[in-house]
N, C-alpha and C. Protein backbone atom coordinates (compact mmCIF):
# COMPACT_ATOMS: atom_id res chain seq x y z
N UNK A 1 1.11 -1.33 0.12
CA UNK A 1 -0.16 -0.25 -0.34
C UNK A 1 0.63 1.54 0.12
N UNK A 2 0.79 2.05 -0.95
CA UNK A 2 1.65 3.37 -0.61
C UNK A 2 1.21 4.11 -0.11
N UNK A 3 2.30 5.30 0.13
CA UNK A 3 1.92 5.95 1.08
C UNK A 3 1.16 7.16 0.50
N UNK A 4 0.22 7.99 1.63
CA UNK A 4 -0.32 9.05 1.26
C UNK A 4 0.29 10.25 1.58
N UNK A 5 0.50 11.30 0.24
CA UNK A 5 0.64 12.47 1.23
C UNK A 5 0.12 13.50 0.38
N UNK A 6 -0.46 14.39 1.42
CA UNK A 6 -1.09 15.58 1.06
C UNK A 6 -0.02 17.48 1.22
N UNK A 7 -0.44 17.65 -0.14
CA UNK A 7 0.20 18.94 -0.09
C UNK A 7 -0.84 20.39 -0.93
N UNK A 8 -0.42 21.06 0.38
CA UNK A 8 -1.74 22.44 0.92
C UNK A 8 -0.08 23.15 0.03
N UNK A 9 -1.00 24.02 -0.91
CA UNK A 9 0.01 24.93 -1.85
C UNK A 9 -1.13 25.56 -2.85
N UNK A 10 -0.84 27.09 -2.83
CA UNK A 10 -1.63 27.65 -3.63
C UNK A 10 -1.09 28.05 -5.00
N UNK A 11 0.25 28.31 -5.21
CA UNK A 11 0.92 28.44 -6.71
C UNK A 11 1.00 27.07 -7.13
N UNK A 12 0.17 26.78 -8.33
CA UNK A 12 -0.26 25.95 -8.93
C UNK A 12 1.27 25.42 -9.57
N UNK A 13 2.42 26.26 -9.72
CA UNK A 13 3.67 26.09 -10.16
C UNK A 13 4.59 25.09 -9.49
N UNK A 14 4.41 25.82 -7.95
CA UNK A 14 4.70 25.16 -7.20
C UNK A 14 4.61 23.73 -7.04
N UNK A 15 2.91 23.39 -6.61
CA UNK A 15 2.65 22.41 -6.48
C UNK A 15 3.10 21.46 -7.48
N UNK A 16 2.86 21.69 -8.56
CA UNK A 16 3.46 21.13 -9.86
C UNK A 16 5.10 20.52 -9.45
N UNK A 17 6.09 21.41 -9.03
CA UNK A 17 7.00 21.01 -9.00
C UNK A 17 7.32 20.26 -7.40
N UNK A 18 6.78 20.50 -6.87
CA UNK A 18 6.52 19.25 -5.38
C UNK A 18 5.94 17.66 -5.79
N UNK A 19 4.87 18.14 -6.37
CA UNK A 19 4.21 16.82 -6.70
C UNK A 19 5.50 15.59 -8.34
N UNK A 20 6.02 16.52 -9.04
CA UNK A 20 7.32 16.03 -9.75
C UNK A 20 8.32 15.30 -8.79
N UNK A 21 8.89 16.36 -7.98
CA UNK A 21 9.78 15.83 -7.06
C UNK A 21 9.44 14.47 -6.44
N UNK A 22 8.20 14.27 -6.06
CA UNK A 22 7.79 13.41 -4.86
C UNK A 22 7.22 11.96 -6.02
N UNK A 23 7.24 12.38 -7.47
CA UNK A 23 6.77 11.44 -8.46
C UNK A 23 8.24 10.56 -8.70
N UNK A 24 9.37 11.45 -8.75
CA UNK A 24 10.85 10.47 -9.58
C UNK A 24 10.84 9.35 -8.33
N UNK A 25 10.74 9.72 -6.59
CA UNK A 25 10.93 9.03 -5.70
C UNK A 25 10.44 7.75 -5.73
N UNK A 26 9.37 7.55 -6.64
CA UNK A 26 8.31 5.86 -6.45
C UNK A 26 6.64 6.45 -6.78
N UNK A 27 6.15 4.96 -5.65
CA UNK A 27 4.95 5.16 -5.43
C UNK A 27 4.55 5.78 -4.38
N UNK A 28 3.61 6.85 -4.46
CA UNK A 28 2.96 7.77 -3.38
C UNK A 28 1.96 8.17 -3.94
N UNK A 29 0.88 8.00 -3.18
CA UNK A 29 -0.84 8.82 -3.61
C UNK A 29 -0.80 9.87 -2.87
N UNK A 30 -0.68 11.10 -3.92
CA UNK A 30 -0.39 12.61 -3.76
C UNK A 30 -1.84 12.99 -3.59
N UNK A 31 -2.21 13.82 -2.86
CA UNK A 31 -3.37 14.57 -2.72
C UNK A 31 -3.32 15.92 -2.83
N UNK A 32 -3.83 16.96 -3.59
CA UNK A 32 -3.65 18.54 -4.16
C UNK A 32 -4.41 19.59 -3.13
N UNK A 33 -4.37 20.38 -2.73
CA UNK A 33 -4.91 21.08 -2.23
C UNK A 33 -4.21 22.58 -2.25
N UNK A 34 -5.21 23.43 -3.57
CA UNK A 34 -4.73 24.79 -3.27
C UNK A 34 -4.73 24.96 -2.33
N UNK A 35 -5.45 25.70 -1.54
CA UNK A 35 -5.51 26.33 -0.39
C UNK A 35 -5.59 25.31 1.27
N UNK A 36 -5.44 26.25 2.34
CA UNK A 36 -5.90 25.68 3.53
C UNK A 36 -7.11 24.89 3.63
N UNK A 37 -7.88 25.89 3.51
CA UNK A 37 -9.36 25.32 3.43
C UNK A 37 -9.49 23.87 2.28
N UNK A 38 -9.09 23.88 1.58
CA UNK A 38 -9.42 22.72 0.69
C UNK A 38 -8.33 21.22 1.42
N UNK A 39 -7.76 21.70 1.86
CA UNK A 39 -7.00 20.80 2.72
C UNK A 39 -7.52 20.22 3.99
N UNK A 40 -8.51 21.02 4.22
CA UNK A 40 -9.39 21.03 5.71
C UNK A 40 -10.02 19.86 5.59
N UNK A 41 -10.92 20.25 4.29
CA UNK A 41 -11.68 19.56 3.74
C UNK A 41 -11.37 17.73 3.34
N UNK A 42 -10.20 17.92 2.91
CA UNK A 42 -9.86 16.52 2.35
C UNK A 42 -9.30 15.44 3.96
N UNK A 43 -8.66 16.23 4.96
CA UNK A 43 -8.08 15.59 6.32
C UNK A 43 -8.98 14.50 6.93
N UNK A 44 -10.36 15.28 6.80
CA UNK A 44 -11.39 14.11 7.60
C UNK A 44 -11.74 12.72 6.66
N UNK A 45 -11.27 12.57 5.55
CA UNK A 45 -12.20 11.79 4.66
C UNK A 45 -10.70 10.88 3.70
N UNK A 46 -9.56 11.40 4.55
CA UNK A 46 -8.93 10.40 3.90
C UNK A 46 -7.63 10.26 4.82
N UNK A 47 -7.21 9.34 5.45
CA UNK A 47 -5.80 9.31 6.37
C UNK A 47 -4.46 8.93 5.53
N UNK A 48 -4.22 10.71 5.54
CA UNK A 48 -2.68 10.77 4.93
C UNK A 48 -1.29 10.42 6.03
N UNK A 49 -0.48 9.96 5.44
CA UNK A 49 1.02 9.92 6.04
C UNK A 49 1.57 10.71 6.39
N UNK A 50 1.41 12.08 5.68
CA UNK A 50 2.67 13.10 5.87
C UNK A 50 1.67 14.49 4.98
N UNK A 51 1.89 15.28 5.64
CA UNK A 51 1.10 16.59 5.31
C UNK A 51 2.64 17.49 4.86
N UNK A 52 2.50 18.07 3.41
CA UNK A 52 3.28 19.70 3.30
C UNK A 52 2.57 20.58 3.04
N UNK A 53 2.92 22.08 3.85
CA UNK A 53 2.10 23.05 3.16
C UNK A 53 3.19 24.31 3.30
N UNK A 54 2.67 24.96 2.51
CA UNK A 54 2.77 26.60 2.46
C UNK A 54 2.58 26.99 3.30
N UNK A 55 3.04 28.22 3.98
CA UNK A 55 2.27 29.00 4.96
C UNK A 55 1.65 30.14 4.10
N UNK A 56 1.47 31.24 3.24
CA UNK A 56 1.30 32.39 2.31
C UNK A 56 0.37 31.37 1.71
N UNK A 57 -1.57 31.26 2.24
CA UNK A 57 -2.07 31.09 0.79
C UNK A 57 -3.14 31.63 1.11
N UNK A 58 -4.66 31.65 0.54
CA UNK A 58 -6.13 32.17 1.30
C UNK A 58 -6.30 31.55 2.16
N UNK A 59 -7.10 31.89 2.55
CA UNK A 59 -8.32 31.31 3.29
C UNK A 59 -7.57 31.08 4.70
N UNK A 60 -7.26 29.90 4.69
CA UNK A 60 -6.36 29.01 6.06
C UNK A 60 -5.30 29.26 5.37
N UNK A 61 -4.48 30.15 6.66
CA UNK A 61 -2.84 30.26 5.72
C UNK A 61 -2.13 28.57 6.40
N UNK A 62 -1.34 28.22 6.07
CA UNK A 62 -0.23 27.23 6.64
C UNK A 62 -0.04 26.63 7.80
N UNK A 63 0.19 28.15 8.41
CA UNK A 63 0.40 28.39 10.24
C UNK A 63 -0.92 27.63 10.99
N UNK A 64 -2.05 28.37 10.26
CA UNK A 64 -3.48 27.89 11.07
C UNK A 64 -3.76 26.38 10.36
N UNK A 65 -3.05 25.67 9.37
CA UNK A 65 -3.52 24.26 8.94
C UNK A 65 -2.33 23.41 10.00
N UNK A 66 -1.52 23.94 10.06
CA UNK A 66 -0.37 23.10 11.04
C UNK A 66 -1.54 22.96 12.98
N UNK A 67 -1.57 24.12 13.43
CA UNK A 67 -2.02 24.26 14.64
C UNK A 67 -3.17 22.82 14.76
N UNK A 68 -3.78 23.00 13.11
CA UNK A 68 -5.13 22.28 13.34
C UNK A 68 -5.22 20.68 13.40
N UNK A 69 -4.02 20.52 12.16
CA UNK A 69 -3.64 19.23 12.65
C UNK A 69 -3.25 18.63 13.62
N UNK A 70 -1.94 19.57 13.94
CA UNK A 70 -1.94 19.08 15.55
C UNK A 70 -2.88 18.69 16.72
N UNK A 71 -3.70 19.66 16.91
CA UNK A 71 -4.96 19.14 17.03
C UNK A 71 -5.86 18.48 17.08
N UNK A 72 -6.24 17.68 16.16
CA UNK A 72 -6.52 16.59 15.67
C UNK A 72 -5.96 15.63 16.01
N UNK A 73 -6.86 14.66 16.58
CA UNK A 73 -6.57 13.27 17.79
C UNK A 73 -5.68 12.32 16.51
N UNK A 74 -6.66 12.26 15.43
CA UNK A 74 -6.57 11.64 14.20
C UNK A 74 -4.86 11.86 13.67
N UNK A 75 -4.54 12.75 13.82
CA UNK A 75 -3.36 13.25 13.01
C UNK A 75 -1.99 14.05 13.57
N UNK A 76 -2.05 13.45 15.43
CA UNK A 76 -1.52 14.29 16.08
C UNK A 76 -0.07 13.82 15.82
N UNK A 77 0.13 13.06 15.57
CA UNK A 77 1.70 12.12 15.26
C UNK A 77 1.83 12.21 13.41
N UNK A 78 0.98 12.79 12.55
CA UNK A 78 1.61 12.63 11.62
C UNK A 78 2.44 13.38 11.17
N UNK A 79 3.45 13.29 10.50
CA UNK A 79 4.62 14.21 10.00
C UNK A 79 3.97 15.27 9.02
N UNK A 80 4.63 16.40 9.53
CA UNK A 80 3.84 17.64 8.87
C UNK A 80 5.19 18.66 8.31
N UNK A 81 5.53 19.02 7.23
CA UNK A 81 6.66 19.56 6.57
C UNK A 81 6.09 21.01 6.42
N UNK A 82 6.64 21.82 6.65
CA UNK A 82 6.36 23.32 6.17
C UNK A 82 7.26 23.89 5.07
N UNK A 83 6.75 24.57 3.84
CA UNK A 83 7.77 24.56 2.88
C UNK A 83 7.23 26.29 2.10
N UNK A 84 8.05 27.01 2.64
CA UNK A 84 7.81 28.72 2.42
C UNK A 84 8.19 29.52 2.03
N UNK A 85 8.42 30.56 1.28
CA UNK A 85 9.38 31.32 1.20
C UNK A 85 9.75 32.51 2.39
N UNK A 86 9.31 32.34 3.76
CA UNK A 86 9.22 33.20 4.53
C UNK A 86 10.21 32.24 5.88
N UNK A 87 11.66 32.54 5.04
CA UNK A 87 12.63 32.21 5.62
C UNK A 87 13.36 32.62 7.00
N UNK A 88 12.85 33.18 7.77
CA UNK A 88 13.47 33.90 8.80
C UNK A 88 13.55 33.42 10.40
N UNK A 89 14.79 33.25 10.50
CA UNK A 89 14.42 32.26 11.65
C UNK A 89 13.25 32.38 12.84
N UNK A 90 12.44 33.42 12.94
CA UNK A 90 11.20 33.64 13.60
C UNK A 90 9.95 32.58 12.83
N UNK A 91 10.35 33.25 11.36
CA UNK A 91 8.88 31.98 10.73
C UNK A 91 9.39 30.63 10.90
N UNK A 92 10.86 30.27 11.09
CA UNK A 92 10.98 28.54 11.10
C UNK A 92 10.58 28.67 12.33
N UNK A 93 10.63 29.32 13.57
CA UNK A 93 10.34 29.08 15.28
C UNK A 93 9.16 28.36 15.51
N UNK A 94 8.41 30.04 14.62
CA UNK A 94 6.76 29.99 14.95
C UNK A 94 6.16 28.72 14.58
N UNK A 95 6.85 28.43 13.12
CA UNK A 95 6.12 26.68 12.31
C UNK A 95 6.46 25.94 13.35
N UNK A 96 7.50 25.47 13.68
CA UNK A 96 8.06 24.24 14.59
C UNK A 96 7.38 24.26 15.71
N UNK A 97 7.33 25.84 16.52
CA UNK A 97 6.30 25.69 17.79
C UNK A 97 5.25 25.21 17.54
N UNK A 98 4.70 25.62 17.02
CA UNK A 98 3.04 25.39 16.71
C UNK A 98 2.79 23.99 16.25
N UNK A 99 4.34 23.06 15.72
CA UNK A 99 4.00 21.08 15.49
C UNK A 99 4.84 21.04 14.67
N UNK A 100 5.22 21.49 13.61
CA UNK A 100 5.70 21.30 11.93
C UNK A 100 7.12 20.15 12.55
N UNK A 101 7.19 19.44 11.36
CA UNK A 101 8.40 18.56 11.80
C UNK A 101 9.45 19.07 11.21
N UNK A 102 9.35 19.63 9.88
CA UNK A 102 10.50 20.51 9.10
C UNK A 102 9.98 21.59 8.82
N UNK A 103 11.12 22.50 8.43
CA UNK A 103 10.88 23.73 7.77
C UNK A 103 11.60 23.85 6.36
N UNK A 104 11.24 23.90 5.45
CA UNK A 104 11.83 23.54 4.22
C UNK A 104 11.75 25.25 3.63
N UNK A 105 13.11 25.75 3.29
CA UNK A 105 12.76 27.56 2.39
C UNK A 105 12.57 27.31 0.94
N UNK A 106 11.93 27.65 0.16
CA UNK A 106 11.67 28.16 -1.28
C UNK A 106 12.52 28.96 -1.36
N UNK A 107 13.49 29.08 -2.83
CA UNK A 107 14.12 27.79 -3.90
C UNK A 107 14.48 26.82 -2.98
N UNK A 108 14.20 25.35 -3.19
CA UNK A 108 14.95 23.98 -2.20
C UNK A 108 15.31 22.76 -3.19
N UNK A 109 15.77 22.41 -3.24
CA UNK A 109 16.76 21.20 -4.12
C UNK A 109 15.51 20.20 -4.22
N UNK A 110 15.44 19.56 -5.26
CA UNK A 110 14.54 18.24 -5.31
C UNK A 110 15.28 17.07 -4.03
N UNK A 111 16.41 17.25 -3.63
CA UNK A 111 17.09 16.45 -2.78
C UNK A 111 16.66 16.43 -1.42
N UNK A 112 16.31 18.00 -1.51
CA UNK A 112 16.13 18.17 0.13
C UNK A 112 15.05 17.93 0.18
N UNK A 113 13.93 18.37 -0.46
CA UNK A 113 12.17 17.34 -0.24
C UNK A 113 12.82 16.14 -0.12
N UNK A 114 13.42 15.39 -1.43
CA UNK A 114 13.16 14.03 -1.22
C UNK A 114 13.81 13.18 0.12
N UNK A 115 14.80 14.33 0.61
CA UNK A 115 15.67 13.98 1.81
C UNK A 115 14.51 13.58 2.96
N UNK A 116 13.96 14.99 2.94
CA UNK A 116 12.74 15.07 4.52
C UNK A 116 11.71 14.15 4.55
N UNK A 117 11.36 13.95 3.05
CA UNK A 117 10.40 12.90 2.85
C UNK A 117 10.59 11.37 3.36
N UNK A 118 11.72 10.59 2.56
CA UNK A 118 12.40 9.52 3.35
C UNK A 118 12.58 9.98 4.73
N UNK A 119 13.25 10.78 5.32
CA UNK A 119 13.22 10.49 6.67
C UNK A 119 12.09 10.32 7.28
N UNK A 120 10.41 11.19 7.25
CA UNK A 120 9.82 10.77 7.75
C UNK A 120 8.97 9.74 7.28
N UNK A 121 9.09 9.37 6.02
CA UNK A 121 8.51 7.64 5.51
C UNK A 121 8.82 6.88 5.65
N UNK A 122 10.29 6.55 5.76
CA UNK A 122 11.04 5.53 5.60
C UNK A 122 11.18 4.76 6.95
């Protein structure tokens, strides 16, 4: 059974890049959300093994999504990676303090993202 990854990213181009990077790793079931609100609609219906989220999104931002995921008993231990252009130490600390397991700053190399995914899913 392949692992299920939810990507919450409002940029179509960035979402495509992330999907391509993950697809190159092998057999993953990838779910895409164009914003935090879509991600929150997907989560109750799917058992995901990893969540990747941007911070700056319309409706519900990535930090709010991290808080929701961490406060939901079904997803308390689900690995969560923030991928954001917000690269300051303050932003990183905020994301990690809310419960993200890792914080990756855009632009990133495919190898960086693949390494994080392997770390949490293998």
